[in-house]
């Protein structure tokens, strides 16, 4: 239904397979100044053309929800929320939009998923909007790295060097969103221990491969990240 998605999620092989539903999530993050993120997410459900109405030539959008969050950095506290149910199956659906103002004041880092489920699970929210929020939470964590890297570049430093210059308290704050999020970032693991001490951590595979593709000598990598 959306050919662009085929590169991300190719259709499985099988002549007996008939597509009956497509759900897509997308989240984009924007820097606003030096101390705020704007996180925008959307979820969309579509049915293939002709599934409900045999003579209908176009896919039918069943759900389309958009969430905007203004988030303070480095605390990752949600300061502003806007929820819009643009496409919905029932007239009363948009009546739940204001309930999501309860997100204001929450951290989108630690404990966010459990809190979202507590506040908006079941009849307390919109199933699809709540699912979107759960997908957006990890995006904010990814953005903290982008924010720090961008700030380091503005100061003429590498991200690695700027982290080494931080105080232990600032490093702990910077790594708070990653702490115990997966086995790589466990609190007693090698990566987190090095990051909190201001030592270099393993460079991401994508960056190493890109350096190699660009022909950048390995001895220069650390100075450029």
N, C-alpha and C. Protein backbone atom coordinates (compact mmCIF):
# COMPACT_ATOMS: atom_id res chain seq x y z
N UNK A 1 0.83 -1.21 0.00
CA UNK A 1 0.00 0.00 0.00
C UNK A 1 0.85 1.25 0.00
N UNK A 2 1.99 1.18 0.72
CA UNK A 2 2.94 2.28 0.69
C UNK A 2 4.27 1.71 0.21
N UNK A 3 4.55 1.82 -1.10
CA UNK A 3 5.75 1.16 -1.64
C UNK A 3 7.04 1.52 -0.92
N UNK A 4 7.13 2.76 -0.37
CA UNK A 4 8.36 3.16 0.33
C UNK A 4 8.67 2.21 1.48
N UNK A 5 7.63 1.70 2.14
CA UNK A 5 7.84 0.81 3.28
C UNK A 5 8.43 -0.53 2.86
N UNK A 6 8.33 -0.87 1.58
CA UNK A 6 8.79 -2.17 1.13
C UNK A 6 10.30 -2.33 1.32
N UNK A 7 11.04 -1.23 1.29
CA UNK A 7 12.48 -1.31 1.54
C UNK A 7 12.77 -1.63 3.00
N UNK A 8 11.90 -1.15 3.89
CA UNK A 8 12.08 -1.38 5.32
C UNK A 8 11.54 -2.75 5.72
N UNK A 9 10.41 -3.11 5.15
CA UNK A 9 9.74 -4.37 5.49
C UNK A 9 9.29 -5.06 4.21
N UNK A 10 10.20 -5.77 3.55
CA UNK A 10 9.82 -6.45 2.31
C UNK A 10 8.72 -7.47 2.57
N UNK A 11 7.89 -7.66 1.56
CA UNK A 11 6.84 -8.67 1.68
C UNK A 11 7.47 -10.06 1.72
N UNK A 12 6.94 -10.97 2.54
CA UNK A 12 7.48 -12.34 2.56
C UNK A 12 7.13 -13.07 1.27
N UNK A 13 7.91 -14.07 0.98
CA UNK A 13 7.64 -14.88 -0.20
C UNK A 13 6.40 -15.74 0.04
N UNK A 14 5.66 -15.97 -1.02
CA UNK A 14 4.49 -16.85 -0.91
C UNK A 14 3.35 -16.37 -1.78
N UNK A 15 3.01 -17.14 -2.80
CA UNK A 15 1.93 -16.75 -3.70
C UNK A 15 0.56 -16.79 -3.01
N UNK A 16 0.47 -17.49 -1.88
CA UNK A 16 -0.82 -17.63 -1.20
C UNK A 16 -1.06 -16.53 -0.17
N UNK A 17 -0.15 -15.54 -0.08
CA UNK A 17 -0.29 -14.48 0.90
C UNK A 17 -1.03 -13.29 0.30
N UNK A 18 -2.02 -12.79 1.04
CA UNK A 18 -2.80 -11.62 0.61
C UNK A 18 -2.77 -10.58 1.73
N UNK A 19 -2.26 -9.40 1.43
CA UNK A 19 -2.16 -8.35 2.43
C UNK A 19 -3.55 -7.91 2.89
N UNK A 20 -3.77 -7.85 4.21
CA UNK A 20 -5.07 -7.44 4.74
C UNK A 20 -4.97 -6.23 5.66
N UNK A 21 -3.74 -5.84 6.08
CA UNK A 21 -3.62 -4.70 6.99
C UNK A 21 -2.18 -4.20 6.98
N UNK A 22 -2.03 -2.90 7.17
CA UNK A 22 -0.70 -2.30 7.30
C UNK A 22 -0.75 -1.24 8.39
N UNK A 23 0.13 -1.39 9.37
CA UNK A 23 0.30 -0.37 10.41
C UNK A 23 1.70 0.20 10.29
N UNK A 24 1.81 1.53 10.36
CA UNK A 24 3.10 2.20 10.26
C UNK A 24 3.26 3.19 11.40
N UNK A 25 4.42 3.17 12.02
CA UNK A 25 4.80 4.17 13.00
C UNK A 25 5.93 5.02 12.41
N UNK A 26 5.90 6.30 12.70
CA UNK A 26 7.04 7.15 12.35
C UNK A 26 7.23 8.17 13.46
N UNK A 27 8.48 8.41 13.81
CA UNK A 27 8.79 9.42 14.82
C UNK A 27 9.95 10.27 14.33
N UNK A 28 9.83 11.57 14.51
CA UNK A 28 10.89 12.50 14.13
C UNK A 28 11.19 13.40 15.32
N UNK A 29 12.46 13.71 15.49
CA UNK A 29 12.90 14.55 16.60
C UNK A 29 13.60 15.77 16.05
N UNK A 30 13.34 16.90 16.69
CA UNK A 30 13.91 18.18 16.26
C UNK A 30 14.53 18.86 17.47
N UNK A 31 15.68 19.46 17.25
CA UNK A 31 16.31 20.26 18.31
C UNK A 31 15.72 21.66 18.29
N UNK A 32 15.33 22.17 19.45
CA UNK A 32 14.88 23.54 19.58
C UNK A 32 15.80 24.24 20.58
N UNK A 33 16.71 25.02 20.05
CA UNK A 33 17.70 25.65 20.91
C UNK A 33 18.66 24.60 21.46
N UNK A 34 19.27 24.90 22.58
CA UNK A 34 20.27 24.00 23.17
C UNK A 34 19.69 23.11 24.25
N UNK A 35 18.45 23.37 24.65
CA UNK A 35 17.94 22.65 25.81
C UNK A 35 16.53 22.09 25.64
N UNK A 36 16.09 21.93 24.39
CA UNK A 36 14.77 21.33 24.19
C UNK A 36 14.75 20.45 22.94
N UNK A 37 13.96 19.40 23.00
CA UNK A 37 13.63 18.56 21.87
C UNK A 37 12.14 18.69 21.58
N UNK A 38 11.79 18.64 20.32
CA UNK A 38 10.40 18.48 19.92
C UNK A 38 10.31 17.12 19.25
N UNK A 39 9.51 16.25 19.82
CA UNK A 39 9.35 14.89 19.32
C UNK A 39 7.96 14.76 18.72
N UNK A 40 7.89 14.42 17.45
CA UNK A 40 6.61 14.26 16.75
C UNK A 40 6.49 12.83 16.26
N UNK A 41 5.37 12.19 16.58
CA UNK A 41 5.16 10.82 16.17
C UNK A 41 3.79 10.63 15.55
N UNK A 42 3.67 9.63 14.71
CA UNK A 42 2.39 9.32 14.07
C UNK A 42 2.24 7.81 13.94
N UNK A 43 1.00 7.35 14.03
CA UNK A 43 0.67 5.97 13.74
C UNK A 43 -0.47 5.98 12.72
N UNK A 44 -0.39 5.05 11.76
CA UNK A 44 -1.43 4.98 10.73
C UNK A 44 -1.74 3.52 10.43
N UNK A 45 -3.03 3.21 10.43
CA UNK A 45 -3.51 1.90 10.02
C UNK A 45 -4.25 2.03 8.70
N UNK A 46 -3.95 1.13 7.75
CA UNK A 46 -4.64 1.15 6.46
C UNK A 46 -5.10 -0.26 6.08
N UNK A 47 -6.25 -0.30 5.40
CA UNK A 47 -6.75 -1.52 4.79
C UNK A 47 -6.55 -1.42 3.28
N UNK A 48 -6.24 -2.54 2.63
CA UNK A 48 -6.01 -2.50 1.18
C UNK A 48 -7.28 -2.11 0.42
N UNK A 49 -7.07 -1.59 -0.76
CA UNK A 49 -8.18 -1.22 -1.64
C UNK A 49 -9.10 -2.43 -1.85
N UNK A 50 -10.39 -2.18 -1.76
CA UNK A 50 -11.37 -3.21 -2.04
C UNK A 50 -11.64 -4.19 -0.92
N UNK A 51 -10.98 -4.05 0.22
CA UNK A 51 -11.18 -5.03 1.30
C UNK A 51 -12.56 -4.89 1.93
N UNK A 52 -12.93 -3.65 2.26
CA UNK A 52 -14.24 -3.41 2.85
C UNK A 52 -15.29 -3.12 1.78
N UNK A 53 -14.91 -2.31 0.81
CA UNK A 53 -15.82 -1.92 -0.27
C UNK A 53 -15.25 -2.45 -1.58
N UNK A 54 -15.87 -3.45 -2.16
CA UNK A 54 -15.28 -4.14 -3.32
C UNK A 54 -14.93 -3.23 -4.49
N UNK A 55 -15.69 -2.15 -4.68
CA UNK A 55 -15.44 -1.28 -5.83
C UNK A 55 -14.54 -0.10 -5.51
N UNK A 56 -14.02 -0.04 -4.28
CA UNK A 56 -13.18 1.09 -3.86
C UNK A 56 -11.76 0.87 -4.37
N UNK A 57 -11.22 1.78 -5.19
CA UNK A 57 -9.88 1.57 -5.76
C UNK A 57 -8.73 1.99 -4.85
N UNK A 58 -9.03 2.62 -3.70
CA UNK A 58 -7.97 3.19 -2.85
C UNK A 58 -7.92 2.52 -1.49
N UNK A 59 -6.73 2.47 -0.89
CA UNK A 59 -6.62 2.00 0.49
C UNK A 59 -7.48 2.86 1.41
N UNK A 60 -7.92 2.28 2.51
CA UNK A 60 -8.76 3.01 3.47
C UNK A 60 -7.98 3.19 4.77
N UNK A 61 -7.76 4.45 5.17
CA UNK A 61 -7.09 4.74 6.43
C UNK A 61 -8.08 4.60 7.57
N UNK A 62 -7.74 3.77 8.55
CA UNK A 62 -8.63 3.51 9.69
C UNK A 62 -8.25 4.35 10.90
N UNK A 63 -6.97 4.51 11.12
CA UNK A 63 -6.47 5.30 12.25
C UNK A 63 -5.32 6.17 11.77
N UNK A 64 -5.29 7.40 12.24
CA UNK A 64 -4.14 8.27 12.01
C UNK A 64 -4.07 9.22 13.20
N UNK A 65 -3.14 8.97 14.10
CA UNK A 65 -2.95 9.76 15.30
C UNK A 65 -1.58 10.42 15.27
N UNK A 66 -1.50 11.66 15.71
CA UNK A 66 -0.24 12.41 15.75
C UNK A 66 -0.03 12.95 17.16
N UNK A 67 1.16 12.77 17.69
CA UNK A 67 1.53 13.25 19.03
C UNK A 67 2.75 14.15 18.92
N UNK A 68 2.66 15.33 19.53
CA UNK A 68 3.80 16.25 19.64
C UNK A 68 4.18 16.40 21.11
N UNK A 69 5.46 16.25 21.40
CA UNK A 69 5.97 16.41 22.76
C UNK A 69 7.11 17.42 22.75
N UNK A 70 7.04 18.39 23.66
CA UNK A 70 8.18 19.29 23.88
C UNK A 70 8.88 18.81 25.14
N UNK A 71 10.18 18.53 25.01
CA UNK A 71 10.93 17.84 26.05
C UNK A 71 12.16 18.65 26.43
N UNK A 72 12.35 18.86 27.72
CA UNK A 72 13.53 19.57 28.22
C UNK A 72 14.73 18.63 28.23
N UNK A 73 15.89 19.16 27.90
CA UNK A 73 17.15 18.42 27.90
C UNK A 73 18.10 19.11 28.88
N UNK A 74 18.79 18.38 29.78
CA UNK A 74 18.99 16.93 29.76
C UNK A 74 18.02 16.14 30.63
N UNK A 75 17.08 16.79 31.32
CA UNK A 75 16.21 16.07 32.24
C UNK A 75 15.25 15.13 31.51
N UNK A 76 14.96 15.42 30.23
CA UNK A 76 13.99 14.67 29.44
C UNK A 76 12.59 14.71 30.04
N UNK A 77 12.29 15.83 30.69
CA UNK A 77 10.96 16.06 31.24
C UNK A 77 10.04 16.61 30.16
N UNK A 78 8.84 16.05 30.07
CA UNK A 78 7.86 16.50 29.09
C UNK A 78 7.21 17.79 29.59
N UNK A 79 7.30 18.84 28.79
CA UNK A 79 6.77 20.14 29.20
C UNK A 79 5.46 20.50 28.48
N UNK A 80 5.31 20.06 27.25
CA UNK A 80 4.09 20.35 26.50
C UNK A 80 3.68 19.11 25.71
N UNK A 81 2.36 18.94 25.58
CA UNK A 81 1.81 17.77 24.88
C UNK A 81 0.69 18.23 23.97
N UNK A 82 0.68 17.69 22.75
CA UNK A 82 -0.45 17.92 21.85
C UNK A 82 -0.77 16.60 21.16
N UNK A 83 -2.00 16.14 21.30
CA UNK A 83 -2.45 14.88 20.72
C UNK A 83 -3.61 15.16 19.79
N UNK A 84 -3.52 14.65 18.57
CA UNK A 84 -4.60 14.83 17.61
C UNK A 84 -4.96 13.48 16.98
N UNK A 85 -6.24 13.14 17.05
CA UNK A 85 -6.75 11.96 16.37
C UNK A 85 -7.35 12.42 15.05
N UNK A 86 -6.54 12.38 13.99
CA UNK A 86 -6.98 12.91 12.70
C UNK A 86 -7.96 12.00 11.99
N UNK A 87 -7.73 10.69 12.06
CA UNK A 87 -8.64 9.73 11.46
C UNK A 87 -8.96 8.68 12.50
N UNK A 88 -10.26 8.43 12.71
CA UNK A 88 -10.69 7.54 13.78
C UNK A 88 -12.03 6.91 13.38
N UNK A 89 -12.35 5.76 13.93
CA UNK A 89 -13.54 5.05 13.48
C UNK A 89 -14.85 5.51 14.11
N UNK A 90 -14.79 6.24 15.21
CA UNK A 90 -16.02 6.60 15.92
C UNK A 90 -16.02 8.08 16.29
N UNK A 91 -17.19 8.69 16.31
CA UNK A 91 -17.30 10.12 16.59
C UNK A 91 -16.73 10.50 17.94
N UNK A 92 -16.87 9.61 18.93
CA UNK A 92 -16.43 9.95 20.28
C UNK A 92 -14.93 9.75 20.50
N UNK A 93 -14.23 9.20 19.54
CA UNK A 93 -12.79 8.92 19.73
C UNK A 93 -11.99 10.15 20.17
N UNK A 94 -12.13 11.32 19.52
CA UNK A 94 -11.28 12.47 19.89
C UNK A 94 -11.50 12.98 21.31
N UNK A 95 -12.56 12.52 21.98
CA UNK A 95 -12.82 12.97 23.34
C UNK A 95 -11.73 12.59 24.32
N UNK A 96 -10.84 11.67 23.94
CA UNK A 96 -9.77 11.24 24.84
C UNK A 96 -8.51 12.09 24.69
N UNK A 97 -8.47 12.98 23.72
CA UNK A 97 -7.24 13.73 23.45
C UNK A 97 -6.71 14.45 24.68
N UNK A 98 -7.58 15.13 25.41
CA UNK A 98 -7.13 15.94 26.55
C UNK A 98 -6.57 15.08 27.69
N UNK A 99 -6.96 13.82 27.75
CA UNK A 99 -6.45 12.96 28.83
C UNK A 99 -4.93 12.86 28.78
N UNK A 100 -4.35 13.03 27.61
CA UNK A 100 -2.91 12.86 27.46
C UNK A 100 -2.11 14.06 27.98
N UNK A 101 -2.81 15.09 28.46
CA UNK A 101 -2.10 16.17 29.15
C UNK A 101 -1.47 15.69 30.46
N UNK A 102 -1.88 14.52 30.92
CA UNK A 102 -1.27 13.94 32.12
C UNK A 102 0.20 13.59 31.91
N UNK A 103 0.64 13.62 30.66
CA UNK A 103 2.06 13.37 30.38
C UNK A 103 2.95 14.52 30.84
N UNK A 104 2.40 15.71 30.94
CA UNK A 104 3.20 16.88 31.32
C UNK A 104 3.82 16.65 32.70
N UNK A 105 5.11 16.86 32.79
CA UNK A 105 5.83 16.67 34.04
C UNK A 105 6.51 15.33 34.17
N UNK A 106 6.18 14.39 33.29
CA UNK A 106 6.83 13.08 33.34
C UNK A 106 8.17 13.10 32.62
N UNK A 107 9.07 12.23 33.03
CA UNK A 107 10.30 12.01 32.28
C UNK A 107 10.02 10.98 31.20
N UNK A 108 10.52 11.24 30.00
CA UNK A 108 10.34 10.27 28.92
C UNK A 108 11.45 9.23 28.93
N UNK A 109 12.31 9.29 29.93
CA UNK A 109 13.40 8.33 30.04
C UNK A 109 12.99 7.20 30.98
N UNK A 110 13.48 7.21 32.18
CA UNK A 110 13.28 6.10 33.11
C UNK A 110 11.82 5.97 33.53
N UNK A 111 11.28 4.75 33.41
CA UNK A 111 9.93 4.46 33.88
C UNK A 111 8.81 4.95 32.98
N UNK A 112 9.14 5.50 31.81
CA UNK A 112 8.12 6.09 30.95
C UNK A 112 7.11 5.06 30.45
N UNK A 113 7.58 3.91 30.01
CA UNK A 113 6.68 2.91 29.45
C UNK A 113 5.68 2.43 30.49
N UNK A 114 6.16 2.13 31.69
CA UNK A 114 5.24 1.67 32.73
C UNK A 114 4.23 2.75 33.11
N UNK A 115 4.68 4.01 33.14
CA UNK A 115 3.77 5.09 33.51
C UNK A 115 2.71 5.31 32.43
N UNK A 116 3.09 5.22 31.17
CA UNK A 116 2.12 5.37 30.08
C UNK A 116 1.06 4.28 30.17
N UNK A 117 1.49 3.06 30.41
CA UNK A 117 0.51 1.97 30.53
C UNK A 117 -0.41 2.18 31.73
N UNK A 118 0.16 2.68 32.82
CA UNK A 118 -0.64 2.94 34.02
C UNK A 118 -1.69 4.03 33.78
N UNK A 119 -1.27 5.10 33.09
CA UNK A 119 -2.17 6.24 32.90
C UNK A 119 -3.19 6.04 31.80
N UNK A 120 -2.79 5.33 30.73
CA UNK A 120 -3.62 5.32 29.53
C UNK A 120 -3.98 3.93 29.03
N UNK A 121 -3.67 2.90 29.81
CA UNK A 121 -4.01 1.55 29.38
C UNK A 121 -5.52 1.32 29.39
N UNK A 122 -5.97 0.41 28.53
CA UNK A 122 -7.37 0.03 28.50
C UNK A 122 -8.31 1.20 28.28
N UNK A 123 -9.37 1.30 29.08
CA UNK A 123 -10.38 2.35 28.87
C UNK A 123 -9.91 3.75 29.27
N UNK A 124 -8.69 3.86 29.79
CA UNK A 124 -8.19 5.18 30.22
C UNK A 124 -7.58 5.98 29.07
N UNK A 125 -7.49 5.38 27.87
CA UNK A 125 -6.87 6.09 26.76
C UNK A 125 -7.33 5.54 25.43
N UNK A 126 -6.64 5.93 24.38
CA UNK A 126 -6.84 5.42 23.03
C UNK A 126 -5.76 4.37 22.77
N UNK A 127 -6.17 3.17 22.42
CA UNK A 127 -5.22 2.07 22.22
C UNK A 127 -4.09 2.46 21.28
N UNK A 128 -4.43 3.13 20.21
CA UNK A 128 -3.46 3.40 19.15
C UNK A 128 -2.53 4.56 19.54
N UNK A 129 -3.08 5.57 20.20
CA UNK A 129 -2.25 6.68 20.68
C UNK A 129 -1.28 6.20 21.75
N UNK A 130 -1.76 5.35 22.63
CA UNK A 130 -0.89 4.82 23.69
C UNK A 130 0.22 3.96 23.09
N UNK A 131 -0.11 3.15 22.09
CA UNK A 131 0.92 2.35 21.42
C UNK A 131 1.96 3.25 20.76
N UNK A 132 1.50 4.36 20.19
CA UNK A 132 2.43 5.31 19.57
C UNK A 132 3.38 5.89 20.61
N UNK A 133 2.86 6.27 21.75
CA UNK A 133 3.71 6.83 22.81
C UNK A 133 4.79 5.83 23.23
N UNK A 134 4.40 4.57 23.34
CA UNK A 134 5.37 3.55 23.73
C UNK A 134 6.48 3.42 22.69
N UNK A 135 6.13 3.65 21.43
CA UNK A 135 7.14 3.60 20.37
C UNK A 135 8.01 4.85 20.36
N UNK A 136 7.46 5.98 20.82
CA UNK A 136 8.21 7.24 20.79
C UNK A 136 9.23 7.35 21.91
N UNK A 137 8.99 6.70 23.04
CA UNK A 137 9.88 6.84 24.18
C UNK A 137 11.34 6.60 23.86
N UNK A 138 11.68 5.47 23.22
CA UNK A 138 13.09 5.21 22.90
C UNK A 138 13.71 6.23 21.95
N UNK A 139 12.88 6.92 21.16
CA UNK A 139 13.41 7.91 20.23
C UNK A 139 14.06 9.06 21.00
N UNK A 140 13.44 9.45 22.11
CA UNK A 140 14.01 10.53 22.92
C UNK A 140 15.39 10.14 23.44
N UNK A 141 15.53 8.87 23.82
CA UNK A 141 16.84 8.39 24.28
C UNK A 141 17.88 8.51 23.17
N UNK A 142 17.49 8.12 21.95
CA UNK A 142 18.40 8.25 20.82
C UNK A 142 18.80 9.70 20.58
N UNK A 143 17.87 10.61 20.85
CA UNK A 143 18.12 12.02 20.57
C UNK A 143 19.14 12.65 21.50
N UNK A 144 19.25 12.14 22.71
CA UNK A 144 20.21 12.74 23.63
C UNK A 144 21.62 12.66 23.07
N UNK A 145 21.95 11.55 22.41
CA UNK A 145 23.27 11.43 21.79
C UNK A 145 23.43 12.48 20.69
N UNK A 146 22.38 12.65 19.91
CA UNK A 146 22.44 13.63 18.83
C UNK A 146 22.63 15.04 19.38
N UNK A 147 21.94 15.34 20.47
CA UNK A 147 22.03 16.68 21.06
C UNK A 147 23.45 16.95 21.56
N UNK A 148 24.01 15.98 22.28
CA UNK A 148 25.36 16.18 22.82
C UNK A 148 26.39 16.25 21.70
N UNK A 149 26.22 15.42 20.68
CA UNK A 149 27.16 15.44 19.55
C UNK A 149 27.08 16.77 18.81
N UNK A 150 25.86 17.28 18.63
CA UNK A 150 25.68 18.55 17.93
C UNK A 150 26.30 19.69 18.73
N UNK A 151 26.10 19.69 20.05
CA UNK A 151 26.67 20.73 20.88
C UNK A 151 28.20 20.67 20.86
N UNK A 152 28.75 19.46 20.89
CA UNK A 152 30.22 19.32 20.85
C UNK A 152 30.77 19.90 19.55
N UNK A 153 30.11 19.62 18.43
CA UNK A 153 30.57 20.16 17.15
C UNK A 153 30.53 21.68 17.15
N UNK A 154 29.50 22.24 17.74
CA UNK A 154 29.39 23.70 17.80
C UNK A 154 30.52 24.32 18.61
N UNK A 155 31.05 23.54 19.56
CA UNK A 155 32.15 24.02 20.39
C UNK A 155 33.51 23.62 19.81
N UNK A 156 33.51 23.01 18.63
CA UNK A 156 34.75 22.60 17.99
C UNK A 156 35.41 21.41 18.63
N UNK A 157 34.62 20.54 19.28
CA UNK A 157 35.16 19.36 19.93
C UNK A 157 34.55 18.11 19.32
N UNK A 158 35.17 16.98 19.59
CA UNK A 158 34.54 15.70 19.28
C UNK A 158 33.62 15.35 20.44
N UNK A 159 32.63 14.51 20.16
CA UNK A 159 31.71 14.08 21.22
C UNK A 159 32.47 13.33 22.30
N UNK A 160 33.41 12.49 21.91
CA UNK A 160 34.19 11.73 22.88
C UNK A 160 34.96 12.67 23.81
N UNK A 161 35.58 13.69 23.22
CA UNK A 161 36.36 14.63 24.04
C UNK A 161 35.47 15.43 24.96
N UNK A 162 34.30 15.83 24.48
CA UNK A 162 33.41 16.65 25.31
C UNK A 162 32.91 15.86 26.51
N UNK A 163 32.67 14.56 26.33
CA UNK A 163 32.21 13.75 27.46
C UNK A 163 33.31 13.60 28.50
N UNK A 164 34.54 13.49 28.05
CA UNK A 164 35.65 13.38 28.99
C UNK A 164 35.79 14.65 29.82
N UNK A 165 35.40 15.80 29.27
CA UNK A 165 35.50 17.07 29.97
C UNK A 165 34.36 17.32 30.95
N UNK A 166 33.30 16.50 30.87
CA UNK A 166 32.15 16.70 31.76
C UNK A 166 32.51 16.34 33.20
N UNK A 167 31.77 16.91 34.12
CA UNK A 167 31.89 16.49 35.51
C UNK A 167 31.22 15.13 35.66
N UNK A 168 31.57 14.37 36.70
CA UNK A 168 30.91 13.07 36.91
C UNK A 168 29.38 13.21 37.01
N UNK A 169 28.92 14.30 37.61
CA UNK A 169 27.47 14.51 37.73
C UNK A 169 26.83 14.72 36.36
N UNK A 170 27.49 15.51 35.52
CA UNK A 170 26.95 15.76 34.18
C UNK A 170 26.98 14.49 33.33
N UNK A 171 28.02 13.69 33.48
CA UNK A 171 28.06 12.44 32.72
C UNK A 171 26.94 11.51 33.17
N UNK A 172 26.71 11.45 34.48
CA UNK A 172 25.63 10.60 34.99
C UNK A 172 24.28 11.06 34.43
N UNK A 173 24.09 12.37 34.36
CA UNK A 173 22.84 12.91 33.81
C UNK A 173 22.73 12.58 32.32
N UNK A 174 23.84 12.71 31.62
CA UNK A 174 23.82 12.44 30.18
C UNK A 174 23.53 10.98 29.88
N UNK A 175 23.97 10.08 30.73
CA UNK A 175 23.79 8.65 30.48
C UNK A 175 22.54 8.09 31.13
N UNK A 176 21.81 8.93 31.83
CA UNK A 176 20.63 8.45 32.57
C UNK A 176 19.62 7.76 31.66
N UNK A 177 19.44 8.30 30.46
CA UNK A 177 18.43 7.74 29.56
C UNK A 177 18.84 6.36 29.02
N UNK A 178 20.14 6.04 29.05
CA UNK A 178 20.61 4.74 28.55
C UNK A 178 20.74 3.69 29.63
N UNK A 179 20.83 4.13 30.87
CA UNK A 179 21.13 3.23 31.98
C UNK A 179 20.12 2.09 32.08
N UNK A 180 20.64 0.84 31.99
CA UNK A 180 19.83 -0.37 32.14
C UNK A 180 18.71 -0.50 31.10
N UNK A 181 18.87 0.15 29.95
CA UNK A 181 17.84 0.01 28.91
C UNK A 181 18.00 -1.29 28.13
N UNK A 182 19.20 -1.87 28.14
CA UNK A 182 19.43 -3.15 27.47
C UNK A 182 20.69 -3.76 28.05
N UNK A 183 21.05 -4.97 27.56
CA UNK A 183 22.21 -5.65 28.13
C UNK A 183 23.50 -4.90 27.87
N UNK A 184 23.57 -4.16 26.76
CA UNK A 184 24.79 -3.42 26.44
C UNK A 184 25.01 -2.28 27.44
N UNK A 185 23.91 -1.66 27.89
CA UNK A 185 24.00 -0.51 28.77
C UNK A 185 23.62 -0.85 30.22
N UNK A 186 23.89 -2.07 30.64
CA UNK A 186 23.64 -2.44 32.03
C UNK A 186 24.57 -1.64 32.95
N UNK A 187 24.09 -1.36 34.14
CA UNK A 187 24.83 -0.46 35.03
C UNK A 187 26.21 -0.96 35.41
N UNK A 188 26.40 -2.28 35.39
CA UNK A 188 27.71 -2.83 35.73
C UNK A 188 28.45 -3.34 34.49
N UNK A 189 27.97 -2.97 33.30
CA UNK A 189 28.61 -3.42 32.07
C UNK A 189 29.79 -2.54 31.68
N UNK A 190 30.56 -3.03 30.73
CA UNK A 190 31.76 -2.33 30.29
C UNK A 190 31.46 -0.98 29.66
N UNK A 191 30.39 -0.91 28.84
CA UNK A 191 30.07 0.33 28.14
C UNK A 191 29.67 1.44 29.12
N UNK A 192 28.75 1.12 30.03
CA UNK A 192 28.28 2.14 30.97
C UNK A 192 29.40 2.56 31.92
N UNK A 193 30.19 1.62 32.37
CA UNK A 193 31.30 1.94 33.28
C UNK A 193 32.27 2.92 32.61
N UNK A 194 32.60 2.66 31.35
CA UNK A 194 33.52 3.54 30.63
C UNK A 194 32.90 4.91 30.40
N UNK A 195 31.62 4.93 30.01
CA UNK A 195 30.95 6.20 29.72
C UNK A 195 30.88 7.08 30.96
N UNK A 196 30.54 6.48 32.10
CA UNK A 196 30.43 7.26 33.33
C UNK A 196 31.78 7.77 33.82
N UNK A 197 32.84 7.06 33.43
CA UNK A 197 34.19 7.48 33.83
C UNK A 197 34.79 8.48 32.85
N UNK A 198 34.07 8.73 31.74
CA UNK A 198 34.59 9.66 30.73
C UNK A 198 35.59 9.05 29.80
N UNK A 199 35.69 7.71 29.82
CA UNK A 199 36.61 7.04 28.91
C UNK A 199 35.90 6.77 27.57
N UNK A 200 36.67 6.57 26.50
CA UNK A 200 36.04 6.24 25.21
C UNK A 200 35.26 4.93 25.29
N UNK A 201 34.14 4.88 24.62
CA UNK A 201 33.37 3.65 24.52
C UNK A 201 33.48 3.14 23.09
N UNK A 202 33.08 1.90 22.90
CA UNK A 202 33.16 1.32 21.56
C UNK A 202 32.39 2.17 20.56
N UNK A 203 33.02 2.50 19.46
CA UNK A 203 32.38 3.31 18.42
C UNK A 203 31.30 2.49 17.72
N UNK A 204 30.20 3.13 17.42
CA UNK A 204 29.09 2.44 16.78
C UNK A 204 29.50 1.87 15.43
N UNK A 205 28.97 0.71 15.11
CA UNK A 205 29.33 0.02 13.88
C UNK A 205 29.06 0.87 12.65
N UNK A 206 27.91 1.56 12.65
CA UNK A 206 27.56 2.36 11.48
C UNK A 206 28.59 3.44 11.20
N UNK A 207 29.09 4.06 12.28
CA UNK A 207 30.06 5.14 12.11
C UNK A 207 31.40 4.59 11.65
N UNK A 208 31.79 3.46 12.23
CA UNK A 208 33.05 2.84 11.80
C UNK A 208 33.01 2.47 10.32
N UNK A 209 31.90 1.88 9.90
CA UNK A 209 31.78 1.49 8.49
C UNK A 209 31.75 2.72 7.58
N UNK A 210 31.12 3.80 8.04
CA UNK A 210 31.07 5.00 7.22
C UNK A 210 32.45 5.63 7.10
N UNK A 211 33.21 5.66 8.20
CA UNK A 211 34.59 6.15 8.14
C UNK A 211 35.41 5.34 7.13
N UNK A 212 35.24 4.03 7.18
CA UNK A 212 35.97 3.17 6.25
C UNK A 212 35.58 3.48 4.81
N UNK A 213 34.28 3.64 4.58
CA UNK A 213 33.81 3.93 3.22
C UNK A 213 34.32 5.27 2.73
N UNK A 214 34.49 6.24 3.65
CA UNK A 214 34.96 7.57 3.28
C UNK A 214 36.48 7.64 3.20
N UNK A 215 37.15 6.56 3.60
CA UNK A 215 38.60 6.54 3.53
C UNK A 215 39.28 7.33 4.63
N UNK A 216 38.60 7.54 5.76
CA UNK A 216 39.20 8.27 6.87
C UNK A 216 40.13 7.34 7.64
N UNK A 217 41.39 7.71 7.86
CA UNK A 217 42.32 6.85 8.60
C UNK A 217 41.80 6.57 10.01
N UNK A 218 41.98 5.35 10.48
CA UNK A 218 41.44 4.95 11.76
C UNK A 218 41.97 5.80 12.91
N UNK A 219 43.20 6.27 12.79
CA UNK A 219 43.75 7.08 13.89
C UNK A 219 43.06 8.44 14.02
N UNK A 220 42.26 8.83 13.03
CA UNK A 220 41.54 10.10 13.09
C UNK A 220 40.10 9.95 13.57
N UNK A 221 39.63 8.71 13.69
CA UNK A 221 38.21 8.49 13.98
C UNK A 221 37.77 9.16 15.28
N UNK A 222 38.53 8.95 16.33
CA UNK A 222 38.12 9.44 17.65
C UNK A 222 38.02 10.96 17.67
N UNK A 223 38.83 11.64 16.87
CA UNK A 223 38.82 13.10 16.85
C UNK A 223 37.63 13.67 16.07
N UNK A 224 36.95 12.80 15.32
CA UNK A 224 35.86 13.27 14.47
C UNK A 224 34.48 12.92 15.01
N UNK A 225 34.42 12.19 16.09
CA UNK A 225 33.13 11.76 16.66
C UNK A 225 32.92 12.40 18.02
